[in-house]
PDB file of N, CA and C in Angstrom:
ATOM      1  N   MET A   1     -10.528-112.395 -86.788  1.00  0.00           N
ATOM      2  CA  MET A   1     -10.368-113.565 -86.230  1.00  0.00           C
ATOM      3  C   MET A   1     -11.171-114.447 -84.809  1.00  0.00           C
ATOM      4  N   GLN A   2     -11.199-115.932 -84.967  1.00  0.00           N
ATOM      5  CA  GLN A   2     -12.069-116.368 -84.505  1.00  0.00           C
ATOM      6  C   GLN A   2     -11.341-116.661 -82.935  1.00  0.00           C
ATOM      7  N   ARG A   3     -11.947-116.615 -81.824  1.00  0.00           N
ATOM      8  CA  ARG A   3     -11.770-116.630 -80.587  1.00  0.00           C
ATOM      9  C   ARG A   3     -11.297-118.080 -80.538  1.00  0.00           C
ATOM     10  N   GLU A   4     -10.590-118.581 -79.764  1.00  0.00           N
ATOM     11  CA  GLU A   4     -10.440-120.227 -79.272  1.00  0.00           C
ATOM     12  C   GLU A   4     -11.481-120.587 -78.430  1.00  0.00           C
ATOM     13  N   GLN A   5     -12.126-121.833 -78.531  1.00  0.00           N
ATOM     14  CA  GLN A   5     -13.362-122.233 -77.873  1.00  0.00           C
ATOM     15  C   GLN A   5     -12.616-123.444 -77.273  1.00  0.00           C
ATOM     16  N   ILE A   6     -11.771-123.855 -76.436  1.00  0.00           N
ATOM     17  CA  ILE A   6     -10.885-124.769 -75.684  1.00  0.00           C
ATOM     18  C   ILE A   6     -10.186-124.360 -74.617  1.00  0.00           C
ATOM     19  N   VAL A   7     -10.203-124.484 -73.414  1.00  0.00           N
ATOM     20  CA  VAL A   7      -9.367-124.292 -72.480  1.00  0.00           C
ATOM     21  C   VAL A   7      -9.108-125.287 -71.930  1.00  0.00           C
ATOM     22  N   ILE A   8      -7.668-125.205 -71.243  1.00  0.00           N
ATOM     23  CA  ILE A   8      -7.140-126.544 -70.879  1.00  0.00           C
ATOM     24  C   ILE A   8      -6.867-126.254 -69.363  1.00  0.00           C
ATOM     25  N   TYR A   9      -7.443-126.734 -68.258  1.00  0.00           N
ATOM     26  CA  TYR A   9      -7.431-126.209 -66.821  1.00  0.00           C
ATOM     27  C   TYR A   9      -6.122-126.721 -66.040  1.00  0.00           C
ATOM     28  N   MET A  10      -6.174-128.469 -66.721  1.00  0.00           N
ATOM     29  CA  MET A  10      -5.187-129.512 -66.018  1.00  0.00           C
ATOM     30  C   MET A  10      -5.293-130.292 -67.007  1.00  0.00           C
ATOM     31  N   PRO A  11      -3.981-130.742 -67.018  1.00  0.00           N
ATOM     32  CA  PRO A  11      -3.078-130.344 -66.549  1.00  0.00           C
ATOM     33  C   PRO A  11      -2.225-129.143 -66.752  1.00  0.00           C
ATOM     34  N   GLU A  12      -1.691-128.409 -66.003  1.00  0.00           N
ATOM     35  CA  GLU A  12      -0.932-126.997 -66.302  1.00  0.00           C
ATOM     36  C   GLU A  12       0.438-127.221 -67.178  1.00  0.00           C
ATOM     37  N   ASP A  13       0.577-125.999 -67.608  1.00  0.00           N
ATOM     38  CA  ASP A  13       1.966-126.087 -68.213  1.00  0.00           C
ATOM     39  C   ASP A  13       3.110-126.239 -67.622  1.00  0.00           C
ATOM     40  N   GLY A  14       4.059-127.092 -67.856  1.00  0.00           N
ATOM     41  CA  GLY A  14       5.065-127.603 -66.918  1.00  0.00           C
ATOM     42  C   GLY A  14       4.906-128.632 -66.088  1.00  0.00           C
ATOM     43  N   THR A  15       3.542-129.416 -66.122  1.00  0.00           N
ATOM     44  CA  THR A  15       3.399-130.619 -65.259  1.00  0.00           C
ATOM     45  C   THR A  15       4.186-131.455 -65.441  1.00  0.00           C
ATOM     46  N   THR A  16       4.580-132.617 -64.587  1.00  0.00           N
ATOM     47  CA  THR A  16       5.273-133.460 -64.954  1.00  0.00           C
ATOM     48  C   THR A  16       4.220-134.631 -64.716  1.00  0.00           C
ATOM     49  N   LEU A  17       3.985-135.570 -65.579  1.00  0.00           N
ATOM     50  CA  LEU A  17       3.078-136.720 -65.650  1.00  0.00           C
ATOM     51  C   LEU A  17       3.726-138.150 -65.443  1.00  0.00           C
ATOM     52  N   SER A  18       3.671-138.535 -64.735  1.00  0.00           N
ATOM     53  CA  SER A  18       3.675-139.882 -64.432  1.00  0.00           C
ATOM     54  C   SER A  18       2.754-141.096 -63.870  1.00  0.00           C
ATOM     55  N   ASP A  19       3.153-142.346 -63.626  1.00  0.00           N
ATOM     56  CA  ASP A  19       2.412-143.727 -63.719  1.00  0.00           C
ATOM     57  C   ASP A  19       1.566-143.958 -64.785  1.00  0.00           C
ATOM     58  N   GLY A  20       1.595-143.293 -65.889  1.00  0.00           N
ATOM     59  CA  GLY A  20       1.027-143.415 -67.346  1.00  0.00           C
ATOM     60  C   GLY A  20      -0.454-143.450 -66.924  1.00  0.00           C
ATOM     61  N   VAL A  21      -1.084-142.532 -66.400  1.00  0.00           N
ATOM     62  CA  VAL A  21      -2.080-141.692 -66.759  1.00  0.00           C
ATOM     63  C   VAL A  21      -2.213-140.148 -66.502  1.00  0.00           C
ATOM     64  N   ALA A  22      -2.999-139.501 -67.465  1.00  0.00           N
ATOM     65  CA  ALA A  22      -3.434-138.035 -67.496  1.00  0.00           C
ATOM     66  C   ALA A  22      -4.184-137.441 -66.971  1.00  0.00           C
ATOM     67  N   HIS A  23      -4.551-137.014 -66.120  1.00  0.00           N
ATOM     68  CA  HIS A  23      -6.255-136.267 -65.589  1.00  0.00           C
ATOM     69  C   HIS A  23      -6.224-134.885 -66.473  1.00  0.00           C
ATOM     70  N   VAL A  24      -7.103-134.649 -67.450  1.00  0.00           N
ATOM     71  CA  VAL A  24      -7.276-133.867 -67.782  1.00  0.00           C
ATOM     72  C   VAL A  24      -8.802-132.888 -67.998  1.00  0.00           C
ATOM     73  N   GLU A  25      -8.507-131.733 -67.797  1.00  0.00           N
ATOM     74  CA  GLU A  25      -9.664-131.130 -67.240  1.00  0.00           C
ATOM     75  C   GLU A  25      -9.968-129.787 -68.026  1.00  0.00           C
ATOM     76  N   GLY A  26     -10.999-129.174 -68.494  1.00  0.00           N
ATOM     77  CA  GLY A  26     -11.313-128.114 -69.368  1.00  0.00           C
ATOM     78  C   GLY A  26     -12.479-127.570 -69.265  1.00  0.00           C
ATOM     79  N   PHE A  27     -12.561-126.924 -70.678  1.00  0.00           N
ATOM     80  CA  PHE A  27     -14.284-125.913 -71.129  1.00  0.00           C
ATOM     81  C   PHE A  27     -13.890-125.850 -72.340  1.00  0.00           C
ATOM     82  N   GLY A  28     -14.762-125.986 -73.205  1.00  0.00           N
ATOM     83  CA  GLY A  28     -14.795-125.805 -74.479  1.00  0.00           C
ATOM     84  C   GLY A  28     -16.169-126.306 -75.454  1.00  0.00           C
ATOM     85  N   LEU A  29     -16.163-125.900 -76.433  1.00  0.00           N
ATOM     86  CA  LEU A  29     -17.180-125.936 -77.176  1.00  0.00           C
ATOM     87  C   LEU A  29     -16.834-127.228 -78.244  1.00  0.00           C
ATOM     88  N   ALA A  30     -17.591-128.100 -78.375  1.00  0.00           N
ATOM     89  CA  ALA A  30     -17.435-129.174 -79.194  1.00  0.00           C
ATOM     90  C   ALA A  30     -18.624-129.280 -80.299  1.00  0.00           C
ATOM     91  N   SER A  31     -18.157-129.112 -81.606  1.00  0.00           N
ATOM     92  CA  SER A  31     -18.749-129.037 -82.852  1.00  0.00           C
ATOM     93  C   SER A  31     -19.356-130.298 -83.295  1.00  0.00           C
ATOM     94  N   PHE A  32     -19.254-131.286 -82.819  1.00  0.00           N
ATOM     95  CA  PHE A  32     -19.758-132.696 -83.541  1.00  0.00           C
ATOM     96  C   PHE A  32     -20.075-133.525 -82.364  1.00  0.00           C
ATOM     97  N   GLU A  33     -21.389-133.851 -81.904  1.00  0.00           N
ATOM     98  CA  GLU A  33     -21.921-134.772 -80.923  1.00  0.00           C
ATOM     99  C   GLU A  33     -21.150-134.759 -79.566  1.00  0.00           C
ATOM    100  N   ALA A  34     -20.836-133.266 -79.461  1.00  0.00           N
ATOM    101  CA  ALA A  34     -20.562-132.651 -77.839  1.00  0.00           C
ATOM    102  C   ALA A  34     -19.187-133.713 -77.923  1.00  0.00           C
ATOM    103  N   THR A  35     -18.057-133.919 -78.607  1.00  0.00           N
ATOM    104  CA  THR A  35     -17.000-134.565 -78.376  1.00  0.00           C
ATOM    105  C   THR A  35     -15.885-134.118 -78.560  1.00  0.00           C
ATOM    106  N   LEU A  36     -14.872-134.168 -78.070  1.00  0.00           N
ATOM    107  CA  LEU A  36     -13.441-133.260 -78.368  1.00  0.00           C
ATOM    108  C   LEU A  36     -12.572-134.528 -78.220  1.00  0.00           C
ATOM    109  N   LEU A  37     -11.463-134.317 -78.976  1.00  0.00           N
ATOM    110  CA  LEU A  37     -10.581-135.564 -78.550  1.00  0.00           C
ATOM    111  C   LEU A  37      -8.961-134.933 -77.922  1.00  0.00           C
ATOM    112  N   VAL A  38      -8.871-135.846 -77.118  1.00  0.00           N
ATOM    113  CA  VAL A  38      -7.240-135.585 -76.221  1.00  0.00           C
ATOM    114  C   VAL A  38      -6.761-136.374 -76.772  1.00  0.00           C
ATOM    115  N   GLU A  39      -5.275-135.374 -77.246  1.00  0.00           N
ATOM    116  CA  GLU A  39      -3.970-136.528 -77.197  1.00  0.00           C
ATOM    117  C   GLU A  39      -2.801-136.001 -76.566  1.00  0.00           C
ATOM    118  N   ILE A  40      -1.989-137.025 -76.252  1.00  0.00           N
ATOM    119  CA  ILE A  40      -0.859-137.204 -75.480  1.00  0.00           C
ATOM    120  C   ILE A  40       0.337-137.198 -76.524  1.00  0.00           C
ATOM    121  N   GLN A  41       0.842-135.963 -76.633  1.00  0.00           N
ATOM    122  CA  GLN A  41       2.150-136.522 -77.784  1.00  0.00           C
ATOM    123  C   GLN A  41       3.364-136.557 -77.388  1.00  0.00           C
ATOM    124  N   ASP A  42       4.488-137.323 -77.312  1.00  0.00           N
ATOM    125  CA  ASP A  42       5.892-137.231 -77.053  1.00  0.00           C
ATOM    126  C   ASP A  42       6.551-136.182 -77.886  1.00  0.00           C
ATOM    127  N   THR A  43       8.173-136.108 -76.967  1.00  0.00           N
ATOM    128  CA  THR A  43       8.813-135.220 -77.453  1.00  0.00           C
ATOM    129  C   THR A  43       8.696-135.209 -78.952  1.00  0.00           C
ATOM    130  N   ASN A  44       8.757-136.200 -79.635  1.00  0.00           N
ATOM    131  CA  ASN A  44       8.810-136.090 -81.260  1.00  0.00           C
ATOM    132  C   ASN A  44       7.398-135.583 -82.022  1.00  0.00           C
ATOM    133  N   GLY A  45       6.420-135.276 -80.967  1.00  0.00           N
ATOM    134  CA  GLY A  45       5.001-135.230 -81.727  1.00  0.00           C
ATOM    135  C   GLY A  45       4.259-136.269 -82.039  1.00  0.00           C
ATOM    136  N   ASP A  46       4.837-137.336 -81.649  1.00  0.00           N
ATOM    137  CA  ASP A  46       3.862-138.751 -82.086  1.00  0.00           C
ATOM    138  C   ASP A  46       3.013-138.931 -80.950  1.00  0.00           C
ATOM    139  N   VAL A  47       1.796-139.676 -80.944  1.00  0.00           N
ATOM    140  CA  VAL A  47       0.755-139.998 -80.189  1.00  0.00           C
ATOM    141  C   VAL A  47       0.849-141.101 -79.752  1.00  0.00           C
ATOM    142  N   VAL A  48       0.974-140.919 -78.516  1.00  0.00           N
ATOM    143  CA  VAL A  48       1.364-141.911 -77.047  1.00  0.00           C
ATOM    144  C   VAL A  48      -0.193-142.333 -76.209  1.00  0.00           C
ATOM    145  N   ALA A  49      -1.253-141.811 -76.978  1.00  0.00           N
ATOM    146  CA  ALA A  49      -2.606-141.540 -76.495  1.00  0.00           C
ATOM    147  C   ALA A  49      -3.499-140.862 -77.101  1.00  0.00           C
ATOM    148  N   SER A  50      -4.871-141.291 -77.212  1.00  0.00           N
ATOM    149  CA  SER A  50      -5.733-140.915 -77.515  1.00  0.00           C
ATOM    150  C   SER A  50      -7.089-141.085 -77.414  1.00  0.00           C
ATOM    151  N   GLN A  51      -7.577-139.987 -76.849  1.00  0.00           N
ATOM    152  CA  GLN A  51      -9.225-140.974 -76.582  1.00  0.00           C
ATOM    153  C   GLN A  51     -10.130-139.654 -76.500  1.00  0.00           C
ATOM    154  N   PRO A  52     -11.100-139.810 -77.162  1.00  0.00           N
ATOM    155  CA  PRO A  52     -12.742-139.075 -77.123  1.00  0.00           C
ATOM    156  C   PRO A  52     -13.038-138.817 -75.567  1.00  0.00           C
ATOM    157  N   VAL A  53     -13.359-137.140 -75.497  1.00  0.00           N
ATOM    158  CA  VAL A  53     -14.311-137.168 -74.541  1.00  0.00           C
ATOM    159  C   VAL A  53     -15.580-135.945 -74.586  1.00  0.00           C
ATOM    160  N   MET A  54     -16.594-136.496 -73.710  1.00  0.00           N
ATOM    161  CA  MET A  54     -17.643-135.505 -74.046  1.00  0.00           C
ATOM    162  C   MET A  54     -17.733-134.549 -73.434  1.00  0.00           C
ATOM    163  N   VAL A  55     -18.286-133.413 -73.576  1.00  0.00           N
ATOM    164  CA  VAL A  55     -18.180-131.951 -73.471  1.00  0.00           C
ATOM    165  C   VAL A  55     -19.904-132.384 -72.602  1.00  0.00           C
ATOM    166  N   GLU A  56     -19.795-131.666 -71.253  1.00  0.00           N
ATOM    167  CA  GLU A  56     -21.018-131.873 -70.180  1.00  0.00           C
ATOM    168  C   GLU A  56     -21.335-130.237 -70.355  1.00  0.00           C
ATOM    169  N   ALA A  57     -22.348-129.969 -71.366  1.00  0.00           N
ATOM    170  CA  ALA A  57     -22.859-128.635 -71.705  1.00  0.00           C
ATOM    171  C   ALA A  57     -24.555-128.794 -71.322  1.00  0.00           C
ATOM    172  N   PRO A  58     -25.139-127.781 -71.140  1.00  0.00           N
ATOM    173  CA  PRO A  58     -26.316-127.423 -71.166  1.00  0.00           C
ATOM    174  C   PRO A  58     -27.312-127.724 -72.024  1.00  0.00           C
ATOM    175  N   GLY A  59     -26.684-127.342 -72.855  1.00  0.00           N
ATOM    176  CA  GLY A  59     -27.511-127.773 -74.389  1.00  0.00           C
ATOM    177  C   GLY A  59     -26.650-127.828 -75.616  1.00  0.00           C
ATOM    178  N   LEU A  60     -27.151-128.114 -77.045  1.00  0.00           N
ATOM    179  CA  LEU A  60     -26.437-128.542 -78.145  1.00  0.00           C
ATOM    180  C   LEU A  60     -26.080-127.052 -78.257  1.00  0.00           C
ATOM    181  N   ASP A  61     -24.862-127.095 -78.816  1.00  0.00           N
ATOM    182  CA  ASP A  61     -23.965-126.066 -79.491  1.00  0.00           C
ATOM    183  C   ASP A  61     -24.042-124.975 -78.426  1.00  0.00           C
ATOM    184  N   GLN A  62     -23.777-125.506 -77.161  1.00  0.00           N
ATOM    185  CA  GLN A  62     -23.231-124.665 -75.878  1.00  0.00           C
ATOM    186  C   GLN A  62     -22.084-125.270 -75.570  1.00  0.00           C
ATOM    187  N   PRO A  63     -20.981-124.394 -75.008  1.00  0.00           N
ATOM    188  CA  PRO A  63     -19.660-125.121 -74.312  1.00  0.00           C
ATOM    189  C   PRO A  63     -20.066-125.622 -73.246  1.00  0.00           C
ATOM    190  N   GLY A  64     -18.943-126.504 -72.186  1.00  0.00           N
ATOM    191  CA  GLY A  64     -19.308-127.311 -71.464  1.00  0.00           C
ATOM    192  C   GLY A  64     -17.648-127.278 -70.384  1.00  0.00           C
ATOM    193  N   THR A  65     -17.880-128.402 -69.705  1.00  0.00           N
ATOM    194  CA  THR A  65     -16.588-128.925 -69.241  1.00  0.00           C
ATOM    195  C   THR A  65     -16.394-130.242 -69.184  1.00  0.00           C
ATOM    196  N   PHE A  66     -15.428-130.959 -69.548  1.00  0.00           N
ATOM    197  CA  PHE A  66     -14.732-132.156 -69.439  1.00  0.00           C
ATOM    198  C   PHE A  66     -13.755-132.200 -68.855  1.00  0.00           C
ATOM    199  N   SER A  67     -13.932-133.593 -68.986  1.00  0.00           N
ATOM    200  CA  SER A  67     -13.003-134.468 -67.819  1.00  0.00           C
ATOM    201  C   SER A  67     -12.408-135.537 -68.539  1.00  0.00           C
ATOM    202  N   ALA A  68     -11.238-135.884 -68.208  1.00  0.00           N
ATOM    203  CA  ALA A  68     -10.866-137.191 -68.576  1.00  0.00           C
ATOM    204  C   ALA A  68      -9.569-138.076 -68.047  1.00  0.00           C
ATOM    205  N   ASP A  69      -9.410-139.496 -67.749  1.00  0.00           N
ATOM    206  CA  ASP A  69      -8.094-139.755 -67.349  1.00  0.00           C
ATOM    207  C   ASP A  69      -7.822-140.516 -68.530  1.00  0.00           C
ATOM    208  N   ILE A  70      -6.627-140.275 -69.009  1.00  0.00           N
ATOM    209  CA  ILE A  70      -6.246-140.571 -70.467  1.00  0.00           C
ATOM    210  C   ILE A  70      -5.008-141.652 -69.836  1.00  0.00           C
ATOM    211  N   THR A  71      -4.565-142.909 -70.395  1.00  0.00           N
ATOM    212  CA  THR A  71      -3.814-143.570 -70.206  1.00  0.00           C
ATOM    213  C   THR A  71      -2.710-143.531 -71.218  1.00  0.00           C
ATOM    214  N   TYR A  72      -1.471-143.357 -71.012  1.00  0.00           N
ATOM    215  CA  TYR A  72      -0.278-143.650 -71.992  1.00  0.00           C
ATOM    216  C   TYR A  72       0.716-144.354 -71.272  1.00  0.00           C
ATOM    217  N   THR A  73       1.539-144.277 -72.656  1.00  0.00           N
ATOM    218  CA  THR A  73       3.104-145.330 -72.444  1.00  0.00           C
ATOM    219  C   THR A  73       4.135-144.542 -73.312  1.00  0.00           C
ATOM    220  N   ALA A  74       4.915-144.426 -72.187  1.00  0.00           N
ATOM    221  CA  ALA A  74       6.021-143.552 -72.667  1.00  0.00           C
ATOM    222  C   ALA A  74       7.354-144.364 -71.922  1.00  0.00           C
ATOM    223  N   ASN A  75       7.980-144.600 -73.078  1.00  0.00           N
ATOM    224  CA  ASN A  75       9.214-145.335 -73.169  1.00  0.00           C
ATOM    225  C   ASN A  75      10.380-144.908 -72.458  1.00  0.00           C
ATOM    226  N   GLU A  76      10.590-143.660 -72.432  1.00  0.00           N
ATOM    227  CA  GLU A  76      11.465-142.852 -71.702  1.00  0.00           C
ATOM    228  C   GLU A  76      10.882-141.470 -71.396  1.00  0.00           C
ATOM    229  N   SER A  77      11.494-140.582 -70.109  1.00  0.00           N
ATOM    230  CA  SER A  77      11.523-139.401 -69.780  1.00  0.00           C
ATOM    231  C   SER A  77      11.484-138.097 -71.215  1.00  0.00           C
ATOM    232  N   GLY A  78      10.640-137.182 -70.819  1.00  0.00           N
ATOM    233  CA  GLY A  78      11.285-136.363 -71.753  1.00  0.00           C
ATOM    234  C   GLY A  78       9.740-135.290 -71.800  1.00  0.00           C
ATOM    235  N   PRO A  79       9.702-134.073 -72.698  1.00  0.00           N
ATOM    236  CA  PRO A  79       8.986-133.277 -72.973  1.00  0.00           C
ATOM    237  C   PRO A  79       7.926-133.669 -73.847  1.00  0.00           C
ATOM    238  N   GLY A  80       6.625-133.379 -73.535  1.00  0.00           N
ATOM    239  CA  GLY A  80       5.707-133.944 -74.524  1.00  0.00           C
ATOM    240  C   GLY A  80       4.466-132.782 -74.444  1.00  0.00           C
ATOM    241  N   ARG A  81       3.366-133.143 -74.805  1.00  0.00           N
ATOM    242  CA  ARG A  81       2.221-132.013 -74.748  1.00  0.00           C
ATOM    243  C   ARG A  81       0.885-132.828 -74.740  1.00  0.00           C
ATOM    244  N   ILE A  82       0.133-132.158 -74.366  1.00  0.00           N
ATOM    245  CA  ILE A  82      -1.574-132.538 -74.177  1.00  0.00           C
ATOM    246  C   ILE A  82      -2.075-131.587 -74.972  1.00  0.00           C
ATOM    247  N   VAL A  83      -2.566-132.272 -76.030  1.00  0.00           N
ATOM    248  CA  VAL A  83      -3.621-131.647 -77.104  1.00  0.00           C
ATOM    249  C   VAL A  83      -4.936-132.285 -77.153  1.00  0.00           C
ATOM    250  N   VAL A  84      -5.934-131.177 -77.278  1.00  0.00           N
ATOM    251  CA  VAL A  84      -7.514-131.007 -77.450  1.00  0.00           C
ATOM    252  C   VAL A  84      -7.882-130.420 -78.494  1.00  0.00           C
ATOM    253  N   ARG A  85      -8.673-131.314 -79.215  1.00  0.00           N
ATOM    254  CA  ARG A  85      -9.204-131.021 -80.533  1.00  0.00           C
ATOM    255  C   ARG A  85     -10.622-130.791 -80.591  1.00  0.00           C
ATOM    256  N   ASP A  86     -11.466-129.742 -81.747  1.00  0.00           N
ATOM    257  CA  ASP A  86     -12.209-130.237 -81.938  1.00  0.00           C
ATOM    258  C   ASP A  86     -12.208-130.269 -83.394  1.00  0.00           C
ATOM    259  N   THR A  87     -12.534-131.308 -83.674  1.00  0.00           N
ATOM    260  CA  THR A  87     -12.034-131.801 -85.315  1.00  0.00           C
ATOM    261  C   THR A  87     -13.380-131.697 -85.809  1.00  0.00           C
ATOM    262  N   SER A  88     -13.393-131.274 -87.191  1.00  0.00           N
ATOM    263  CA  SER A  88     -14.591-130.955 -88.305  1.00  0.00           C
ATOM    264  C   SER A  88     -14.952-132.557 -88.843  1.00  0.00           C
ATOM    265  N   PRO A  89     -15.902-133.115 -89.083  1.00  0.00           N
ATOM    266  CA  PRO A  89     -15.989-134.609 -89.410  1.00  0.00           C
ATOM    267  C   PRO A  89     -16.695-134.217 -90.939  1.00  0.00           C
ATOM    268  N   THR A  90     -16.688-133.076 -91.001  1.00  0.00           N
ATOM    269  CA  THR A  90     -17.351-132.587 -92.400  1.00  0.00           C
ATOM    270  C   THR A  90     -15.392-132.510 -93.841  1.00  0.00           C
ATOM    271  N   HIS A  91     -14.686-131.667 -93.041  1.00  0.00           N
ATOM    272  CA  HIS A  91     -13.496-131.672 -93.558  1.00  0.00           C
ATOM    273  C   HIS A  91     -12.036-132.247 -93.248  1.00  0.00           C
ATOM    274  N   GLY A  92     -12.427-132.797 -91.719  1.00  0.00           N
ATOM    275  CA  GLY A  92     -11.457-133.213 -91.119  1.00  0.00           C
ATOM    276  C   GLY A  92     -10.432-132.531 -90.472  1.00  0.00           C
ATOM    277  N   GLU A  93     -10.423-130.946 -90.751  1.00  0.00           N
ATOM    278  CA  GLU A  93      -9.347-130.387 -90.191  1.00  0.00           C
ATOM    279  C   GLU A  93      -9.779-129.956 -88.777  1.00  0.00           C
ATOM    280  N   ASP A  94      -9.162-129.319 -87.548  1.00  0.00           N
ATOM    281  CA  ASP A  94      -9.398-128.774 -86.451  1.00  0.00           C
ATOM    282  C   ASP A  94     -10.316-127.484 -86.307  1.00  0.00           C
ATOM    283  N   ASN A  95     -11.299-127.478 -85.800  1.00  0.00           N
ATOM    284  CA  ASN A  95     -12.013-126.543 -85.745  1.00  0.00           C
ATOM    285  C   ASN A  95     -11.433-125.517 -84.626  1.00  0.00           C
ATOM    286  N   HIS A  96     -11.069-126.365 -83.953  1.00  0.00           N
ATOM    287  CA  HIS A  96     -10.632-125.472 -82.530  1.00  0.00           C
ATOM    288  C   HIS A  96      -9.333-126.345 -82.038  1.00  0.00           C
ATOM    289  N   LEU A  97      -8.374-125.698 -81.024  1.00  0.00           N
ATOM    290  CA  LEU A  97      -7.321-126.520 -80.770  1.00  0.00           C
ATOM    291  C   LEU A  97      -6.450-126.223 -79.883  1.00  0.00           C
ATOM    292  N   ASN A  98      -6.315-126.561 -78.888  1.00  0.00           N
ATOM    293  CA  ASN A  98      -5.537-126.080 -77.570  1.00  0.00           C
ATOM    294  C   ASN A  98      -4.785-127.098 -77.175  1.00  0.00           C
ATOM    295  N   SER A  99      -3.574-126.498 -76.742  1.00  0.00           N
ATOM    296  CA  SER A  99      -2.707-127.716 -76.210  1.00  0.00           C
ATOM    297  C   SER A  99      -1.675-126.859 -74.805  1.00  0.00           C
ATOM    298  N   VAL A 100      -1.215-127.930 -73.995  1.00  0.00           N
ATOM    299  CA  VAL A 100      -0.207-127.469 -72.874  1.00  0.00           C
ATOM    300  C   VAL A 100       0.878-128.307 -72.892  1.00  0.00           C
ATOM    301  N   GLU A 101       2.317-127.846 -72.648  1.00  0.00           N
ATOM    302  CA  GLU A 101       3.645-128.343 -72.277  1.00  0.00           C
ATOM    303  C   GLU A 101       3.663-129.300 -71.201  1.00  0.00           C
ATOM    304  N   ILE A 102       4.030-130.606 -71.503  1.00  0.00           N
ATOM    305  CA  ILE A 102       4.197-131.368 -69.944  1.00  0.00           C
ATOM    306  C   ILE A 102       5.244-131.967 -70.008  1.00  0.00           C
ATOM    307  N   THR A 103       5.772-132.674 -69.125  1.00  0.00           N
ATOM    308  CA  THR A 103       6.924-133.681 -68.936  1.00  0.00           C
ATOM    309  C   THR A 103       6.087-135.081 -69.062  1.00  0.00           C
ATOM    310  N   LEU A 104       6.654-136.177 -69.763  1.00  0.00           N
ATOM    311  CA  LEU A 104       6.328-137.062 -69.573  1.00  0.00           C
ATOM    312  C   LEU A 104       7.215-138.448 -68.859  1.00  0.00           C
ATOM    313  N   GLU A 105       6.884-138.789 -67.925  1.00  0.00           N
ATOM    314  CA  GLU A 105       7.580-139.989 -67.183  1.00  0.00           C
ATOM    315  C   GLU A 105       7.163-141.413 -67.224  1.00  0.00           C
ATOM    316  N   PRO A 106       7.745-142.436 -67.240  1.00  0.00           N
ATOM    317  CA  PRO A 106       7.299-143.563 -67.783  1.00  0.00           C
ATOM    318  C   PRO A 106       6.223-144.128 -66.556  1.00  0.00           C
TER     319      PRO A 106
END
């Protein structure tokens, strides 16, 4: 079994997001062009925001930190999820994925 290569520092599990912006920070390994994909999902699993984020690593094929402010639109308050993916350009599946549960406020 391969260890997960993405850690999300912020937001923490259980955080309530408001004002339409989520600040996301973490550490990870991006397998293609040092880029991870950050998604914000609503209670139904629908993606309400999605943005690529660059990993600041000391060299190619090395892990590093990432940080982004993601703008989202939520029509109502409710549970949601921040998902960070390392998607393979070859087969389109996730090489690595991590997530935290949050509450979305409009």
